[in-house]
Amino acid sequence: SSMKEQQQQQQQQQNFPNIDLKELETVDVVIASDVVYDPILTDALASVLDTLLSKGVKAIISCEKRVFFCEKRLREEVYEWPRFLDLLRTSGIKVDIVNLRNVPQFSRYDRNKHLEIALAQRMH
């Protein structure tokens, strides 16, 4: 790996010390919302989920995709959410995007067009 990747890994290890997996033994499901927006935190979350999902845990993650204006391409783009999903898939995690038309609404409101919910699990 490159020197930059090694520095990022060292920084990540300093910011996020190893989790004691005994603390997480009773976890069956991870529910997370609006947690994918910062690259360092995204990498840490993907790493924790990779560990947990290998133990049979399932994850439900919702995200309002962060749209930013890309000066290089001169258009609006969403970067971190697709990158997070790719990190999970690259780790062998099955990711399904929920069709929000099948999710009931119990009050009247307009759903944000940038809302997405992903179900993640490792297929054994």
Protein backbone atom coordinates (compact mmCIF):
# COMPACT_ATOMS: atom_id res chain seq x y z
CA SER A 1 0.00 0.00 0.00
CA SER A 2 1.07 3.57 -0.57
CA MET A 3 2.61 5.83 2.03
CA LYS A 4 -0.57 7.96 2.07
CA GLU A 5 -2.74 4.87 2.76
CA GLN A 6 -0.41 3.83 5.59
CA GLN A 7 -0.64 7.32 7.11
CA GLN A 8 -4.44 7.24 6.86
CA GLN A 9 -4.52 3.82 8.55
CA GLN A 10 -2.27 5.06 11.35
CA GLN A 11 -4.45 8.15 11.81
CA GLN A 12 -7.58 5.99 11.84
CA GLN A 13 -6.08 3.67 14.46
CA GLN A 14 -5.19 6.66 16.63
CA ASN A 15 -8.67 8.16 16.29
CA PHE A 16 -10.54 4.87 16.60
CA PRO A 17 -8.78 2.40 18.87
CA ASN A 18 -9.60 -1.25 18.47
CA ILE A 19 -13.02 -2.11 19.79
CA ASP A 20 -13.27 -4.88 22.35
CA LEU A 21 -15.47 -7.36 20.51
CA LYS A 22 -16.72 -8.77 23.83
CA GLU A 23 -18.60 -5.48 24.23
CA LEU A 24 -20.45 -6.21 20.99
CA GLU A 25 -21.29 -9.90 21.47
CA THR A 26 -24.96 -9.24 22.21
CA VAL A 27 -25.55 -7.06 19.14
CA ASP A 28 -28.03 -8.57 16.64
CA VAL A 29 -28.87 -5.54 14.52
CA VAL A 30 -27.16 -2.22 13.86
CA ILE A 31 -29.47 0.68 13.07
CA ALA A 32 -27.77 3.85 11.90
CA SER A 33 -29.09 7.03 10.39
CA ASP A 34 -27.33 10.03 8.89
CA VAL A 35 -23.85 8.73 9.74
CA VAL A 36 -22.20 8.66 6.30
CA TYR A 37 -20.70 12.02 5.36
CA ASP A 38 -17.06 12.19 6.52
CA PRO A 39 -14.45 9.95 4.82
CA ILE A 40 -12.56 9.05 8.02
CA LEU A 41 -15.75 8.20 9.90
CA THR A 42 -17.13 6.35 6.88
CA ASP A 43 -14.03 4.15 6.74
CA ALA A 44 -14.30 3.45 10.48
CA LEU A 45 -18.00 2.58 10.21
CA ALA A 46 -17.36 0.25 7.26
CA SER A 47 -14.59 -1.46 9.25
CA VAL A 48 -16.80 -1.98 12.32
CA LEU A 49 -19.67 -3.26 10.18
CA ASP A 50 -17.32 -5.63 8.37
CA THR A 51 -16.39 -7.16 11.75
CA LEU A 52 -19.95 -7.26 13.12
CA LEU A 53 -21.59 -8.60 9.99
CA SER A 54 -19.09 -11.45 9.85
CA LYS A 55 -20.69 -12.59 13.14
CA GLY A 56 -24.20 -12.71 11.65
CA VAL A 57 -25.29 -9.20 12.63
CA LYS A 58 -27.49 -7.30 10.15
CA ALA A 59 -27.39 -3.55 9.55
CA ILE A 60 -30.01 -1.03 8.49
CA ILE A 61 -28.45 2.27 7.47
CA SER A 62 -30.36 5.29 6.24
CA CYS A 63 -28.78 8.28 4.65
CA GLU A 64 -29.74 11.56 3.15
CA LYS A 65 -27.22 11.59 0.32
CA ARG A 66 -24.98 14.64 0.70
CA VAL A 67 -24.98 16.59 -2.52
CA PHE A 68 -22.07 18.89 -3.27
CA PHE A 69 -21.05 20.91 -6.28
CA CYS A 70 -18.01 19.37 -7.95
CA GLU A 71 -15.90 22.18 -9.39
CA LYS A 72 -13.90 19.72 -11.50
CA ARG A 73 -16.97 18.32 -13.28
CA LEU A 74 -19.12 21.45 -12.87
CA ARG A 75 -22.13 19.54 -11.56
CA GLU A 76 -23.76 18.38 -8.36
CA GLU A 77 -22.57 14.99 -7.12
CA VAL A 78 -23.02 12.58 -4.25
CA TYR A 79 -19.73 11.04 -3.18
CA GLU A 80 -19.54 9.55 0.31
CA TRP A 81 -22.69 7.37 0.36
CA PRO A 82 -21.84 5.46 -2.86
CA ARG A 83 -18.24 5.10 -1.65
CA PHE A 84 -19.50 3.64 1.65
CA LEU A 85 -21.71 1.12 -0.16
CA ASP A 86 -18.75 0.17 -2.36
CA LEU A 87 -16.58 -0.37 0.75
CA LEU A 88 -19.18 -2.77 2.13
CA ARG A 89 -19.63 -4.62 -1.15
CA THR A 90 -15.85 -4.91 -1.63
CA SER A 91 -15.71 -6.58 1.79
CA GLY A 92 -18.17 -9.23 0.58
CA ILE A 93 -21.20 -7.71 2.27
CA LYS A 94 -24.53 -7.96 0.47
CA VAL A 95 -26.17 -4.54 0.27
CA ASP A 96 -29.81 -4.10 -0.77
CA ILE A 97 -31.35 -0.68 -1.27
CA VAL A 98 -34.91 -0.50 0.10
CA ASN A 99 -37.62 0.57 -2.32
CA LEU A 100 -39.14 3.43 -0.31
CA ARG A 101 -42.45 3.08 -2.16
CA ASN A 102 -42.89 -0.13 -0.14
CA VAL A 103 -42.29 1.63 3.20
CA PRO A 104 -45.53 2.96 4.66
CA GLN A 105 -45.87 6.60 5.69
CA PHE A 106 -47.86 7.17 8.87
CA SER A 107 -48.02 10.93 8.55
CA ARG A 108 -48.27 13.29 5.59
CA TYR A 109 -44.96 14.62 4.41
CA ASP A 110 -42.91 14.78 1.24
CA ARG A 111 -40.05 12.33 1.33
CA ASN A 112 -36.68 13.78 0.54
CA LYS A 113 -35.56 12.60 -2.89
CA HIS A 114 -32.05 12.07 -1.49
CA LEU A 115 -33.16 9.61 1.23
CA GLU A 116 -31.93 6.06 0.87
CA ILE A 117 -32.06 3.04 3.18
CA ALA A 118 -29.68 0.12 2.82
CA LEU A 119 -29.91 -3.34 4.35
CA ALA A 120 -26.49 -4.92 4.80
CA GLN A 121 -25.66 -8.49 5.75
CA ARG A 122 -23.03 -11.06 5.05
CA MET A 123 -24.27 -14.04 3.10
CA HIS A 124 -22.80 -17.21 4.66
